[in-house]
Protein backbone atom coordinates (compact mmCIF):
# COMPACT_ATOMS: atom_id res chain seq x y z
CA MET A 1 -4.42 19.89 4.92
CA LYS A 2 -7.92 20.22 3.27
CA THR A 3 -8.06 16.66 1.81
CA TYR A 4 -6.46 13.43 2.03
CA LYS A 5 -5.01 13.60 -1.77
CA GLU A 6 -2.41 16.16 -0.10
CA LEU A 7 -0.93 13.38 1.74
CA ASP A 8 2.34 11.96 0.23
CA ILE A 9 1.60 8.73 1.50
CA TYR A 10 -1.79 8.44 -0.28
CA ARG A 11 -0.39 9.63 -3.56
CA LEU A 12 2.29 7.19 -3.44
CA SER A 13 0.04 4.44 -2.30
CA TYR A 14 -2.42 5.29 -5.09
CA ASP A 15 0.48 5.26 -7.92
CA LEU A 16 1.81 1.98 -6.71
CA ALA A 17 -1.60 0.37 -6.59
CA VAL A 18 -2.08 1.11 -10.31
CA LYS A 19 1.20 0.06 -11.19
CA VAL A 20 0.89 -3.22 -9.28
CA HIS A 21 -2.47 -3.52 -10.84
CA LYS A 22 -1.00 -3.33 -14.24
CA MET A 23 2.12 -5.49 -13.56
CA SER A 24 -0.39 -8.09 -12.17
CA LEU A 25 -2.24 -8.37 -15.37
CA LYS A 26 1.12 -10.00 -17.16
CA LEU A 27 1.02 -12.85 -14.66
CA PRO A 28 -0.06 -16.29 -16.20
CA ARG A 29 -3.98 -16.54 -16.68
CA TYR A 30 -4.33 -19.14 -13.61
CA GLU A 31 -2.55 -16.54 -11.42
CA MET A 32 -5.06 -13.72 -12.25
CA TYR A 33 -7.64 -15.02 -9.65
CA GLU A 34 -5.08 -16.44 -7.09
CA GLU A 35 -2.03 -14.62 -6.05
CA GLY A 36 -2.78 -11.69 -8.80
CA SER A 37 -5.98 -10.93 -6.94
CA GLN A 38 -4.51 -11.14 -3.49
CA LEU A 39 -2.00 -8.55 -4.52
CA ARG A 40 -4.25 -6.26 -6.42
CA ARG A 41 -6.61 -6.19 -3.06
CA ALA A 42 -3.77 -5.67 -0.80
CA SER A 43 -2.03 -2.99 -2.61
CA LYS A 44 -5.26 -0.96 -3.20
CA GLY A 45 -6.13 -1.62 0.59
CA VAL A 46 -3.26 0.60 1.47
CA ALA A 47 -4.45 3.64 -0.27
CA SER A 48 -8.19 2.73 0.87
CA CYS A 49 -7.32 2.61 4.61
CA ILE A 50 -5.64 6.10 4.25
CA VAL A 51 -8.53 7.49 2.70
CA GLU A 52 -10.85 5.86 5.21
CA GLY A 53 -8.81 6.93 8.26
CA TYR A 54 -8.60 10.62 6.78
CA GLY A 55 -12.27 10.42 6.75
CA ARG A 56 -12.17 9.77 10.56
CA LYS A 57 -9.49 12.25 11.18
CA LYS A 58 -11.78 14.13 13.80
CA TYR A 59 -11.07 11.15 16.03
CA LYS A 60 -7.52 10.68 16.58
CA ALA A 61 -7.77 6.94 17.60
CA ASP A 62 -9.65 6.01 14.50
CA PHE A 63 -7.36 7.76 12.45
CA ILE A 64 -4.51 6.06 13.68
CA LYS A 65 -6.21 2.72 13.77
CA PHE A 66 -6.68 3.05 9.87
CA LEU A 67 -3.06 4.20 9.37
CA VAL A 68 -2.01 1.00 11.03
CA TYR A 69 -4.22 -1.09 8.86
CA ALA A 70 -2.66 0.89 5.81
CA HIS A 71 0.86 -0.36 7.20
CA ALA A 72 -0.16 -3.78 7.47
CA SER A 73 -1.70 -3.91 4.05
CA CYS A 74 1.64 -2.34 2.72
CA ASP A 75 3.45 -5.41 4.58
CA GLU A 76 0.82 -7.90 3.08
CA THR A 77 1.34 -6.30 -0.58
CA ILE A 78 5.32 -6.93 -0.16
CA LEU A 79 4.48 -10.66 1.04
CA HIS A 80 2.45 -11.25 -2.19
CA LEU A 81 5.26 -9.70 -4.31
CA ASN A 82 7.55 -11.90 -2.84
CA PHE A 83 5.50 -14.97 -3.60
CA ILE A 84 5.16 -13.77 -7.05
CA ASN A 85 8.57 -13.05 -7.49
CA ASP A 86 9.75 -16.42 -6.24
CA ILE A 87 7.14 -18.38 -8.33
CA HIS A 88 7.35 -16.58 -11.66
CA GLU A 89 10.07 -15.04 -13.78
CA LEU A 90 9.39 -11.45 -13.89
CA ASP A 91 11.36 -8.46 -14.85
CA GLU A 92 13.73 -7.87 -12.08
CA LYS A 93 14.10 -4.22 -12.04
CA GLU A 94 10.44 -3.71 -12.17
CA MET A 95 10.14 -6.24 -8.91
CA GLN A 96 13.09 -4.29 -7.36
CA PHE A 97 11.23 -1.11 -7.96
CA PHE A 98 8.42 -2.51 -6.12
CA PHE A 99 10.30 -3.81 -3.12
CA ASP A 100 12.13 -0.67 -2.85
CA THR A 101 8.96 1.49 -3.30
CA TYR A 102 6.86 -0.46 -0.76
CA ASP A 103 9.50 -0.29 1.78
CA GLU A 104 9.74 3.48 1.42
CA LEU A 105 6.07 3.64 1.60
CA GLY A 106 6.03 1.55 4.86
CA GLY A 107 8.60 3.83 6.54
CA LYS A 108 6.44 6.87 5.42
CA ILE A 109 3.20 5.51 6.92
CA ASN A 110 5.21 4.88 10.18
CA ARG A 111 6.40 8.05 10.53
CA PHE A 112 2.99 9.65 9.69
CA ILE A 113 1.72 7.44 12.39
CA GLN A 114 4.15 8.82 14.77
CA TYR A 115 3.48 12.42 13.65
CA VAL A 116 -0.57 11.97 14.08
CA GLU A 117 0.14 10.25 17.69
CA ALA A 118 2.27 13.22 18.93
CA GLU A 119 0.84 16.19 17.01
CA TRP A 120 -2.93 15.64 15.92
CA LYS A 121 -5.45 17.71 17.69
C-alpha cells in the first residue's frame, strides 16, 4: 500500500461521510446544528481517524489506536443515525442503507485491526 486511499475502509468511510452529510441537510432547520452536526462530525471522524492512523503506520501501536478510534466513530455514527431515525420521518430505504453499510464498515475496520495486529511490521 502506497497511500491510505488504497484502503477499502477509507474509501467506504469517505463515501458514506459524503452521503450522510447530504442526507443531514434534509433534516429540519433546527436539527442542522443539533443532531445533524453531531452526525456529520461522527461520520467524517471515521475517515479522519483512518487517515491519521495511516500517517502513523510506522508505529504499529499508534496505527491500531487510530483504527480503534475509527471504529468508535463508526459506532457513534450509528447511534446518531438511530436518534435521527427515531425522531424524524425519513426515507426508510435510505436509512436502512446507512445502517447496513455502517455495520459492514464496522466489521471491515475490526478485521483490518486484527490484520494490523497480526501482520503489520
